[in-house]
């Protein structure tokens, strides 16, 4: 054995300690960064109001980036110009009048090129535009600007100005601000959808136009509402801003979502299959459904029914779906989600409420955890035979009491087992003599259609209800969902 000199051994020991210390500090920095991003996500998901959201994005970005100021500049989808939706201070109105062309200034360059930009000396950069600074009499020393992407398109830019203590922004700051911009895009898109709904509904209330104008506005509201419904099975899916008709077979990418002629959507490429259909009684309604992945094998799904009808119900539905998307995360139980969503809805002081059933299915093991907010009892169709109700403790609907606790229940689905969820537009459908369809007839059609595919089963259910109604006017929205373990 070769004996190493003591000095060499000491040097190696010091080097090893230095490496361990460096790694510990690196892990500590990464932990702090992760906690910062978690806090940012919680902050921007705490509201669905556009103005409040923009203010929180700006305040949070400036604080996390240790900057003097921050701004969000949005892209006008009609003109392509960049504009300030929110501007504070005594000259806020003047700033809101400013429009930047695509490619103009630092923000315009970032929006046009889709790349982040870090400027150490703003006055010396040829891309710098003083259009805004001159209006507010604000000296910009350095800045950092990143694009905000949504579904491959740039909807705005996020920038921070003047790092405190006279320091320049670093490459690590660039990565951090990009990480902040990612969840910002989801929250901002949801807020813009809600804002579009509210503006459309407000216009409808105040309009004195003729009937044709009102019908046109209602069709637009319907398209916006349908934009909240999922078109594909994806992780933490946000509501799509693309307008589509529910029976449009070209409204999603082929191979991801399959449609048949009845407008039934089928999410594929996952060891569980989801099919859903929504038919409002009016142009817009209060029934809703959602589904998305919250983990590698965990599928979240929900189906609900708002107590009211028409435009107020559609707006309430939009609030519920936005809160669900913003709050649901991996490891959260359905009961915990409904408890949080109910607490936020109760703050709105609305006279409406909503029944809901939601669950999380582990598609690998078949374990299903669910919570029932006073909704119609779903049914389980076992592959071996039989139709059985999926029983669990029923809690109050969402929005009734602020301190309601929503419990969790569980069952196990084997390969080929299928859950059928529905709203009371099915069981309470009436014929001309005011007789209701009822759960008995529903169980009969489920038994007879048990060997059908998910889309065909939904079609047979709705067709059986229509046959029973014999042409009587549909008085309630209809929504049906099937979830099958593959």
Protein backbone atom coordinates (compact mmCIF):
# COMPACT_ATOMS: atom_id res chain seq x y z
CA UNK A 1 0.00 0.00 0.00
CA UNK A 2 1.29 3.43 -0.94
CA UNK A 3 1.30 5.88 1.95
CA UNK A 4 0.07 9.35 0.98
CA UNK A 5 1.68 12.37 2.60
CA UNK A 6 -0.29 13.94 5.42
CA UNK A 7 -0.50 17.28 3.58
CA UNK A 8 -2.08 15.58 0.56
CA UNK A 9 -4.61 13.76 2.74
CA UNK A 10 -5.51 17.03 4.44
CA UNK A 11 -5.94 18.77 1.07
CA UNK A 12 -8.23 15.98 -0.15
CA UNK A 13 -10.31 16.19 3.02
CA UNK A 14 -10.65 19.97 2.66
CA UNK A 15 -11.61 19.57 -1.02
CA UNK A 16 -14.23 16.97 -0.09
CA UNK A 17 -15.65 19.25 2.58
CA UNK A 18 -15.72 22.12 0.08
CA UNK A 19 -17.63 20.02 -2.45
CA UNK A 20 -20.17 18.97 0.19
CA UNK A 21 -20.61 22.55 1.34
CA UNK A 22 -21.02 23.74 -2.25
CA UNK A 23 -23.64 21.04 -2.90
CA UNK A 24 -25.47 21.89 0.33
CA UNK A 25 -25.62 25.55 -0.63
CA UNK A 26 -26.80 24.67 -4.16
CA UNK A 27 -29.57 22.50 -2.75
CA UNK A 28 -30.51 25.26 -0.32
CA UNK A 29 -30.75 27.78 -3.19
CA UNK A 30 -32.89 25.37 -5.20
CA UNK A 31 -35.18 24.82 -2.21
CA UNK A 32 -35.62 28.56 -1.73
CA UNK A 33 -36.38 28.96 -5.43
CA UNK A 34 -38.95 26.15 -5.30
CA UNK A 35 -40.64 27.74 -2.28
CA UNK A 36 -40.68 31.11 -4.03
CA UNK A 37 -42.40 29.61 -7.07
CA UNK A 38 -44.88 27.78 -4.82
CA UNK A 39 -45.73 31.05 -3.08
CA UNK A 40 -46.07 32.79 -6.45
CA UNK A 41 -48.45 30.06 -7.67
CA UNK A 42 -50.59 30.36 -4.54
CA UNK A 43 -50.68 34.14 -4.83
CA UNK A 44 -51.73 34.36 -8.49
CA UNK A 45 -54.26 31.50 -8.16
CA UNK A 46 -56.03 33.22 -5.27
CA UNK A 47 -58.20 35.36 -7.54
CA UNK A 48 -60.00 35.08 -10.88
CA UNK A 49 -60.62 38.81 -11.30
CA UNK A 50 -58.46 40.19 -14.11
CA UNK A 51 -57.54 43.52 -12.52
CA UNK A 52 -56.74 41.91 -9.15
CA UNK A 53 -54.71 39.18 -10.86
CA UNK A 54 -52.60 41.67 -12.84
CA UNK A 55 -51.90 43.67 -9.68
CA UNK A 56 -50.83 40.53 -7.79
CA UNK A 57 -48.61 39.40 -10.67
CA UNK A 58 -46.87 42.77 -10.70
CA UNK A 59 -46.49 43.00 -6.92
CA UNK A 60 -45.29 39.40 -6.57
CA UNK A 61 -42.83 39.63 -9.48
CA UNK A 62 -41.25 42.82 -8.13
CA UNK A 63 -40.93 41.32 -4.66
CA UNK A 64 -39.49 37.96 -5.75
CA UNK A 65 -37.10 39.54 -8.27
CA UNK A 66 -36.02 42.24 -5.77
CA UNK A 67 -36.94 44.94 -8.30
CA UNK A 68 -38.34 48.44 -7.87
CA UNK A 69 -41.25 47.93 -10.27
CA UNK A 70 -42.94 45.42 -12.52
CA UNK A 71 -45.47 45.54 -15.33
CA UNK A 72 -47.57 43.18 -17.44
CA UNK A 73 -48.08 44.29 -21.04
CA UNK A 74 -50.74 42.36 -22.97
CA UNK A 75 -51.06 41.68 -26.69
CA UNK A 76 -54.28 42.88 -28.31
CA UNK A 77 -55.47 39.80 -30.28
CA UNK A 78 -57.26 42.00 -32.84
CA UNK A 79 -54.57 44.59 -33.66
CA UNK A 80 -51.40 42.86 -32.45
CA UNK A 81 -50.47 46.00 -30.47
CA UNK A 82 -49.18 45.86 -26.90
CA UNK A 83 -51.08 47.75 -24.22
CA UNK A 84 -51.18 48.28 -20.45
CA UNK A 85 -54.38 46.79 -19.03
CA UNK A 86 -53.45 48.02 -15.54
CA UNK A 87 -51.41 51.11 -14.67
CA UNK A 88 -51.29 52.71 -11.22
CA UNK A 89 -50.22 56.14 -10.06
CA UNK A 90 -51.34 59.67 -10.88
CA UNK A 91 -50.55 59.17 -14.57
CA UNK A 92 -52.14 55.75 -14.83
CA UNK A 93 -54.76 56.93 -17.33
CA UNK A 94 -52.06 58.33 -19.63
CA UNK A 95 -50.12 55.07 -19.51
CA UNK A 96 -53.25 53.06 -20.40
CA UNK A 97 -53.55 55.18 -23.58
CA UNK A 98 -50.11 54.08 -24.77
CA UNK A 99 -49.94 51.48 -27.53
CA UNK A 100 -46.73 49.80 -28.64
CA UNK A 101 -46.41 48.23 -32.06
CA UNK A 102 -45.16 44.67 -32.27
CA UNK A 103 -41.37 44.96 -32.24
CA UNK A 104 -41.39 48.47 -30.73
CA UNK A 105 -39.29 48.95 -27.61
CA UNK A 106 -37.97 46.21 -25.35
CA UNK A 107 -41.44 44.74 -24.68
CA UNK A 108 -42.30 44.79 -28.38
CA UNK A 109 -39.02 43.06 -29.26
CA UNK A 110 -39.66 40.30 -26.69
CA UNK A 111 -43.25 39.82 -27.90
CA UNK A 112 -42.14 39.66 -31.53
CA UNK A 113 -39.17 37.31 -31.02
CA UNK A 114 -40.51 35.19 -28.13
CA UNK A 115 -37.17 35.41 -26.31
CA UNK A 116 -36.29 36.87 -22.89
CA UNK A 117 -34.20 40.02 -22.80
CA UNK A 118 -31.90 41.29 -20.04
CA UNK A 119 -30.75 44.93 -20.36
CA UNK A 120 -28.03 46.26 -18.05
CA UNK A 121 -28.15 49.86 -19.36
CA UNK A 122 -31.56 50.71 -20.82
CA UNK A 123 -30.61 54.17 -22.15
CA UNK A 124 -27.77 52.74 -24.26
CA UNK A 125 -29.76 49.90 -25.82
CA UNK A 126 -30.93 50.70 -29.40
CA UNK A 127 -34.20 48.82 -28.80
CA UNK A 128 -35.14 51.04 -25.86
CA UNK A 129 -38.26 53.19 -26.24
CA UNK A 130 -38.84 56.06 -23.81
CA UNK A 131 -42.52 56.38 -24.75
CA UNK A 132 -43.69 55.09 -21.37
CA UNK A 133 -40.86 56.52 -19.24
CA UNK A 134 -41.48 60.03 -20.54
CA UNK A 135 -45.16 59.84 -19.57
CA UNK A 136 -44.51 58.78 -15.99
CA UNK A 137 -41.16 60.56 -15.49
CA UNK A 138 -39.54 57.31 -14.33
CA UNK A 139 -35.83 56.60 -14.89
CA UNK A 140 -35.16 53.01 -15.96
CA UNK A 141 -31.61 51.82 -15.30
CA UNK A 142 -31.88 48.13 -16.08
CA UNK A 143 -34.69 45.73 -16.80
CA UNK A 144 -35.59 42.13 -17.48
CA UNK A 145 -38.43 41.14 -19.82
CA UNK A 146 -39.80 37.66 -20.66
CA UNK A 147 -42.67 36.50 -22.92
CA UNK A 148 -45.90 35.01 -21.55
CA UNK A 149 -46.87 31.98 -23.64
CA UNK A 150 -50.31 30.38 -23.85
CA UNK A 151 -50.77 27.34 -26.10
CA UNK A 152 -47.79 28.30 -28.22
CA UNK A 153 -48.84 31.92 -28.71
CA UNK A 154 -47.57 35.02 -26.91
CA UNK A 155 -50.36 36.80 -25.03
CA UNK A 156 -48.14 39.36 -23.32
CA UNK A 157 -44.81 40.09 -21.65
CA UNK A 158 -43.77 40.30 -18.00
CA UNK A 159 -41.02 42.74 -17.07
CA UNK A 160 -39.26 43.94 -13.93
CA UNK A 161 -37.41 47.26 -13.69
CA UNK A 162 -34.39 48.47 -11.72
CA UNK A 163 -32.96 45.75 -9.52
CA UNK A 164 -32.49 47.08 -6.01
CA UNK A 165 -29.09 47.98 -4.52
CA UNK A 166 -27.87 48.98 -7.97
CA UNK A 167 -27.15 45.41 -9.01
CA UNK A 168 -27.75 44.10 -12.54
CA UNK A 169 -30.12 41.25 -13.31
CA UNK A 170 -28.43 37.86 -13.75
CA UNK A 171 -29.02 34.80 -15.93
CA UNK A 172 -30.50 33.11 -12.86
CA UNK A 173 -32.97 35.99 -12.62
CA UNK A 174 -33.96 35.32 -16.23
CA UNK A 175 -34.76 31.68 -15.45
CA UNK A 176 -36.65 32.67 -12.30
CA UNK A 177 -38.83 35.23 -14.10
CA UNK A 178 -39.55 32.70 -16.86
CA UNK A 179 -40.67 30.27 -14.15
CA UNK A 180 -43.01 32.94 -12.78
CA UNK A 181 -44.41 33.67 -16.25
CA UNK A 182 -45.39 30.01 -16.84
CA UNK A 183 -48.17 29.71 -14.19
CA UNK A 184 -49.02 33.34 -14.85
CA UNK A 185 -50.14 32.39 -18.38
CA UNK A 186 -52.65 29.82 -17.09
CA UNK A 187 -54.13 32.14 -14.48
CA UNK A 188 -54.20 35.09 -16.87
CA UNK A 189 -55.97 33.08 -19.58
CA UNK A 190 -58.62 31.92 -17.10
CA UNK A 191 -59.09 35.48 -15.84
CA UNK A 192 -59.46 36.75 -19.40
CA UNK A 193 -62.14 34.13 -20.07
CA UNK A 194 -64.05 35.17 -16.95
CA UNK A 195 -63.58 38.82 -17.88
CA UNK A 196 -64.92 38.13 -21.36
CA UNK A 197 -67.93 36.36 -19.88
CA UNK A 198 -68.69 39.20 -17.47
CA UNK A 199 -68.38 41.83 -20.19
CA UNK A 200 -70.61 39.83 -22.50
CA UNK A 201 -73.22 39.31 -19.78
CA UNK A 202 -73.08 42.95 -18.70
CA UNK A 203 -73.63 44.00 -22.30
CA UNK A 204 -76.62 41.68 -22.48
CA UNK A 205 -78.20 43.18 -19.35
CA UNK A 206 -77.82 46.75 -20.59
CA UNK A 207 -78.67 46.25 -24.22
CA UNK A 208 -81.83 47.73 -25.71
CA UNK A 209 -81.20 46.17 -29.09
CA UNK A 210 -83.69 44.03 -30.95
CA UNK A 211 -84.22 40.31 -30.35
CA UNK A 212 -81.81 39.31 -33.13
CA UNK A 213 -78.99 41.21 -31.45
CA UNK A 214 -79.66 39.50 -28.11
CA UNK A 215 -79.72 36.06 -29.73
CA UNK A 216 -76.39 36.81 -31.37
CA UNK A 217 -74.86 37.83 -28.04
CA UNK A 218 -76.18 34.66 -26.42
CA UNK A 219 -74.53 32.54 -29.07
CA UNK A 220 -71.24 34.27 -28.32
CA UNK A 221 -71.71 33.64 -24.58
CA UNK A 222 -72.42 29.99 -25.33
CA UNK A 223 -69.19 29.68 -27.28
CA UNK A 224 -67.25 31.29 -24.45
CA UNK A 225 -68.87 28.91 -21.96
CA UNK A 226 -68.03 25.91 -24.12
CA UNK A 227 -64.44 27.14 -24.19
CA UNK A 228 -64.18 26.14 -20.53
CA UNK A 229 -64.94 22.50 -21.28
CA UNK A 230 -61.96 20.18 -21.82
CA UNK A 231 -61.05 19.11 -25.33
CA UNK A 232 -58.19 16.79 -24.43
CA UNK A 233 -56.71 14.92 -21.49
CA UNK A 234 -53.61 16.81 -20.39
CA UNK A 235 -51.71 17.70 -17.18
CA UNK A 236 -53.21 20.66 -15.27
CA UNK A 237 -55.25 21.58 -18.33
CA UNK A 238 -56.41 25.17 -18.47
CA UNK A 239 -59.69 26.21 -20.04
CA UNK A 240 -59.23 26.76 -23.75
CA UNK A 241 -59.97 30.18 -25.18
CA UNK A 242 -60.84 28.68 -28.57
CA UNK A 243 -64.55 28.89 -29.33
CA UNK A 244 -66.15 25.72 -30.63
CA UNK A 245 -69.50 24.11 -31.08
CA UNK A 246 -69.97 21.00 -28.90
CA UNK A 247 -70.59 18.81 -31.95
CA UNK A 248 -67.74 20.14 -34.07
CA UNK A 249 -65.51 17.15 -34.92
CA UNK A 250 -62.62 19.43 -35.85
CA UNK A 251 -62.43 21.38 -32.58
CA UNK A 252 -59.46 19.36 -31.24
CA UNK A 253 -56.39 17.55 -32.52
CA UNK A 254 -57.11 14.16 -34.04
CA UNK A 255 -55.77 11.28 -32.00
CA UNK A 256 -56.02 13.16 -28.70
CA UNK A 257 -59.77 13.64 -28.52
CA UNK A 258 -62.22 11.63 -30.57
CA UNK A 259 -65.69 12.94 -31.44
CA UNK A 260 -68.71 11.25 -32.90
CA UNK A 261 -71.69 12.79 -34.64
CA UNK A 262 -73.46 13.36 -31.31
CA UNK A 263 -70.81 15.70 -29.92
CA UNK A 264 -69.48 13.21 -27.35
CA UNK A 265 -65.85 13.90 -26.48
CA UNK A 266 -63.44 11.01 -25.84
CA UNK A 267 -60.06 11.53 -24.16
CA UNK A 268 -57.59 8.86 -25.31
CA UNK A 269 -53.94 7.71 -24.85
CA UNK A 270 -54.28 6.99 -21.14
CA UNK A 271 -55.14 3.80 -19.17
CA UNK A 272 -58.58 5.26 -18.46
CA UNK A 273 -61.16 6.59 -20.90
CA UNK A 274 -63.30 9.67 -20.31
CA UNK A 275 -66.39 10.56 -22.34
CA UNK A 276 -68.66 13.52 -21.69
CA UNK A 277 -71.58 15.40 -23.20
CA UNK A 278 -73.30 18.68 -22.28
CA UNK A 279 -76.62 19.89 -23.75
CA UNK A 280 -77.88 23.18 -22.26
CA UNK A 281 -81.63 23.72 -22.06
CA UNK A 282 -81.05 27.31 -23.22
CA UNK A 283 -78.23 29.00 -25.12
CA UNK A 284 -76.14 28.96 -21.94
CA UNK A 285 -76.62 26.92 -18.79
CA UNK A 286 -75.21 25.81 -15.47
CA UNK A 287 -74.21 22.17 -15.95
CA UNK A 288 -70.48 21.59 -16.23
CA UNK A 289 -67.79 18.93 -16.31
CA UNK A 290 -64.01 18.83 -16.25
CA UNK A 291 -61.16 16.32 -16.32
CA UNK A 292 -57.38 16.51 -16.37
CA UNK A 293 -54.27 14.71 -15.11
CA UNK A 294 -52.81 15.65 -11.74
CA UNK A 295 -50.02 13.06 -11.81
CA UNK A 296 -48.54 10.41 -14.04
CA UNK A 297 -51.46 8.04 -13.45
CA UNK A 298 -53.95 10.19 -11.52
CA UNK A 299 -57.03 11.36 -13.40
CA UNK A 300 -59.19 14.09 -11.86
CA UNK A 301 -62.79 14.38 -13.03
CA UNK A 302 -65.83 16.35 -11.93
CA UNK A 303 -69.43 16.90 -12.99
CA UNK A 304 -71.82 19.42 -11.47
CA UNK A 305 -75.02 21.40 -11.74
CA UNK A 306 -75.62 25.07 -10.81
CA UNK A 307 -78.98 25.78 -9.19
CA UNK A 308 -79.95 28.60 -11.57
CA UNK A 309 -80.24 28.67 -15.36
CA UNK A 310 -79.11 30.93 -18.17
CA UNK A 311 -76.44 33.61 -17.98
CA UNK A 312 -76.13 33.85 -14.14
CA UNK A 313 -75.63 30.09 -13.92
CA UNK A 314 -73.03 30.16 -16.70
CA UNK A 315 -71.02 32.83 -14.86
CA UNK A 316 -71.23 30.89 -11.59
CA UNK A 317 -70.16 27.77 -13.46
CA UNK A 318 -67.15 29.64 -14.87
CA UNK A 319 -66.10 30.68 -11.35
CA UNK A 320 -66.32 27.09 -10.08
CA UNK A 321 -64.30 25.65 -12.96
CA UNK A 322 -61.64 28.34 -12.64
CA UNK A 323 -61.29 27.70 -8.89
CA UNK A 324 -61.05 23.94 -9.49
CA UNK A 325 -58.28 24.38 -12.07
CA UNK A 326 -56.39 26.81 -9.85
CA UNK A 327 -56.64 24.82 -6.61
CA UNK A 328 -56.46 21.12 -7.59
CA UNK A 329 -52.96 19.69 -7.32
CA UNK A 330 -51.27 16.34 -6.97
CA UNK A 331 -51.81 14.79 -3.55
CA UNK A 332 -54.93 16.84 -2.81
CA UNK A 333 -58.02 14.77 -2.06
CA UNK A 334 -61.38 15.53 -3.70
CA UNK A 335 -62.81 16.43 -0.29
CA UNK A 336 -60.02 18.92 0.41
CA UNK A 337 -60.56 20.51 -3.00
CA UNK A 338 -64.31 20.95 -2.52
CA UNK A 339 -63.77 22.36 0.98
CA UNK A 340 -61.45 25.07 -0.42
CA UNK A 341 -63.62 25.84 -3.45
CA UNK A 342 -66.74 26.10 -1.25
CA UNK A 343 -65.00 28.53 1.10
CA UNK A 344 -64.09 30.82 -1.83
CA UNK A 345 -67.55 30.62 -3.42
CA UNK A 346 -69.23 31.52 -0.14
CA UNK A 347 -67.25 34.77 -0.05
CA UNK A 348 -68.97 35.82 -3.28
CA UNK A 349 -72.26 36.16 -1.38
CA UNK A 350 -74.28 34.67 -4.21
CA UNK A 351 -77.78 33.25 -3.90
CA UNK A 352 -76.81 30.37 -6.18
CA UNK A 353 -75.27 27.03 -5.27
CA UNK A 354 -74.01 24.01 -7.17
CA UNK A 355 -74.12 20.27 -6.65
CA UNK A 356 -70.94 18.46 -7.67
CA UNK A 357 -69.36 15.03 -7.72
CA UNK A 358 -65.60 14.76 -8.22
CA UNK A 359 -63.00 12.05 -7.93
CA UNK A 360 -59.39 11.09 -8.49
CA UNK A 361 -58.74 7.77 -10.20
CA UNK A 362 -55.34 6.09 -10.03
CA UNK A 363 -55.47 4.48 -13.46
CA UNK A 364 -52.58 2.13 -12.61
CA UNK A 365 -54.10 0.59 -9.48
CA UNK A 366 -57.81 1.32 -10.06
CA UNK A 367 -58.12 3.08 -6.70
CA UNK A 368 -60.85 5.72 -6.83
CA UNK A 369 -61.24 8.45 -4.20
CA UNK A 370 -64.32 10.66 -4.49
CA UNK A 371 -66.39 13.32 -2.74
CA UNK A 372 -70.08 14.13 -3.18
CA UNK A 373 -71.40 17.67 -2.84
CA UNK A 374 -75.10 16.84 -2.84
CA UNK A 375 -75.07 15.57 -6.42
CA UNK A 376 -77.03 12.82 -8.19
CA UNK A 377 -75.64 9.42 -7.14
CA UNK A 378 -73.42 7.97 -9.91
CA UNK A 379 -73.52 4.34 -10.96
CA UNK A 380 -70.75 1.77 -11.34
CA UNK A 381 -71.03 -0.79 -14.13
CA UNK A 382 -68.89 -3.77 -13.21
CA UNK A 383 -67.35 -5.75 -16.04
CA UNK A 384 -68.57 -9.01 -14.45
CA UNK A 385 -72.14 -7.66 -14.47
CA UNK A 386 -74.44 -5.52 -12.41
CA UNK A 387 -75.24 -1.82 -12.01
CA UNK A 388 -74.64 -0.48 -8.52
CA UNK A 389 -74.87 3.02 -7.05
CA UNK A 390 -71.59 4.63 -6.01
CA UNK A 391 -72.55 5.47 -2.45
CA UNK A 392 -70.83 7.90 -0.12
CA UNK A 393 -71.79 10.55 2.40
CA UNK A 394 -73.52 13.43 0.68
CA UNK A 395 -72.41 16.85 1.81
CA UNK A 396 -74.09 20.18 1.11
CA UNK A 397 -73.82 21.71 -2.36
CA UNK A 398 -71.08 24.26 -2.98
CA UNK A 399 -71.85 27.80 -1.81
CA UNK A 400 -74.46 26.96 0.85
CA UNK A 401 -72.38 27.19 4.06
CA UNK A 402 -68.84 28.44 4.43
CA UNK A 403 -67.70 25.89 7.05
CA UNK A 404 -68.91 22.77 5.22
CA UNK A 405 -66.47 19.86 5.42
CA UNK A 406 -66.44 17.55 2.39
CA UNK A 407 -65.51 13.95 3.18
CA UNK A 408 -63.70 11.42 1.01
CA UNK A 409 -64.81 7.93 0.07
CA UNK A 410 -63.21 5.21 -1.97
CA UNK A 411 -63.74 2.15 -4.11
CA UNK A 412 -61.68 -0.01 -6.45
CA UNK A 413 -62.23 -0.21 -10.19
CA UNK A 414 -61.06 -3.24 -12.11
CA UNK A 415 -60.20 -3.27 -15.77
CA UNK A 416 -63.40 -2.73 -17.75
CA UNK A 417 -65.34 -1.17 -14.85
CA UNK A 418 -67.09 2.08 -15.73
CA UNK A 419 -68.55 4.97 -13.71
CA UNK A 420 -71.53 6.92 -15.09
CA UNK A 421 -72.13 10.46 -13.79
CA UNK A 422 -75.10 12.62 -14.78
CA UNK A 423 -77.09 15.68 -13.78
CA UNK A 424 -80.75 15.81 -12.79
CA UNK A 425 -81.62 16.90 -16.31
CA UNK A 426 -81.62 13.14 -16.98
CA UNK A 427 -83.62 11.75 -14.06
CA UNK A 428 -86.01 14.73 -13.80
CA UNK A 429 -86.78 14.94 -17.51
CA UNK A 430 -90.56 15.09 -17.97
CA UNK A 431 -92.98 13.94 -20.62
CA UNK A 432 -96.15 15.77 -21.62
CA UNK A 433 -98.00 14.44 -18.56
CA UNK A 434 -95.29 15.80 -16.21
CA UNK A 435 -94.08 12.28 -15.35
CA UNK A 436 -90.34 12.10 -14.60
CA UNK A 437 -87.85 9.77 -16.22
CA UNK A 438 -86.46 8.67 -12.83
CA UNK A 439 -83.50 6.58 -11.68
CA UNK A 440 -85.26 3.29 -12.42
CA UNK A 441 -85.40 3.94 -16.16
CA UNK A 442 -81.81 5.17 -16.08
CA UNK A 443 -80.62 1.92 -14.48
CA UNK A 444 -82.53 -0.07 -17.10
CA UNK A 445 -80.86 1.73 -20.02
CA UNK A 446 -77.45 1.40 -18.33
CA UNK A 447 -77.97 -2.35 -18.03
CA UNK A 448 -79.04 -2.69 -21.66
CA UNK A 449 -76.15 -0.53 -22.90
CA UNK A 450 -73.44 -1.97 -20.65
CA UNK A 451 -71.57 -3.60 -23.55
CA UNK A 452 -71.56 -0.39 -25.61
CA UNK A 453 -68.58 1.93 -25.88
CA UNK A 454 -68.49 5.05 -23.71
CA UNK A 455 -69.71 7.39 -26.49
CA UNK A 456 -72.43 4.95 -27.56
CA UNK A 457 -73.61 4.52 -23.99
CA UNK A 458 -74.02 8.29 -23.58
CA UNK A 459 -75.86 8.47 -26.90
CA UNK A 460 -78.24 5.69 -25.86
CA UNK A 461 -78.95 7.37 -22.50
CA UNK A 462 -79.82 10.72 -24.08
CA UNK A 463 -81.87 9.10 -26.86
CA UNK A 464 -83.85 7.10 -24.28
CA UNK A 465 -84.59 10.29 -22.31
CA UNK A 466 -85.72 12.04 -25.52
CA UNK A 467 -87.99 9.11 -26.41
CA UNK A 468 -89.53 9.29 -22.95
CA UNK A 469 -90.09 13.07 -23.20
CA UNK A 470 -91.92 12.60 -26.52
CA UNK A 471 -91.11 16.07 -27.74
CA UNK A 472 -91.76 17.89 -24.45
CA UNK A 473 -89.55 20.97 -24.05
CA UNK A 474 -86.23 20.35 -22.27
CA UNK A 475 -86.54 22.31 -19.03
CA UNK A 476 -83.13 21.53 -17.56
CA UNK A 477 -79.55 21.18 -18.79
CA UNK A 478 -78.28 17.66 -19.46
CA UNK A 479 -74.74 16.48 -18.77
CA UNK A 480 -73.41 12.90 -18.77
CA UNK A 481 -69.90 11.57 -18.18
CA UNK A 482 -68.40 8.07 -18.24
CA UNK A 483 -65.03 7.13 -16.74
CA UNK A 484 -63.70 3.67 -17.56
CA UNK A 485 -60.67 1.86 -16.15
CA UNK A 486 -58.77 0.23 -18.99
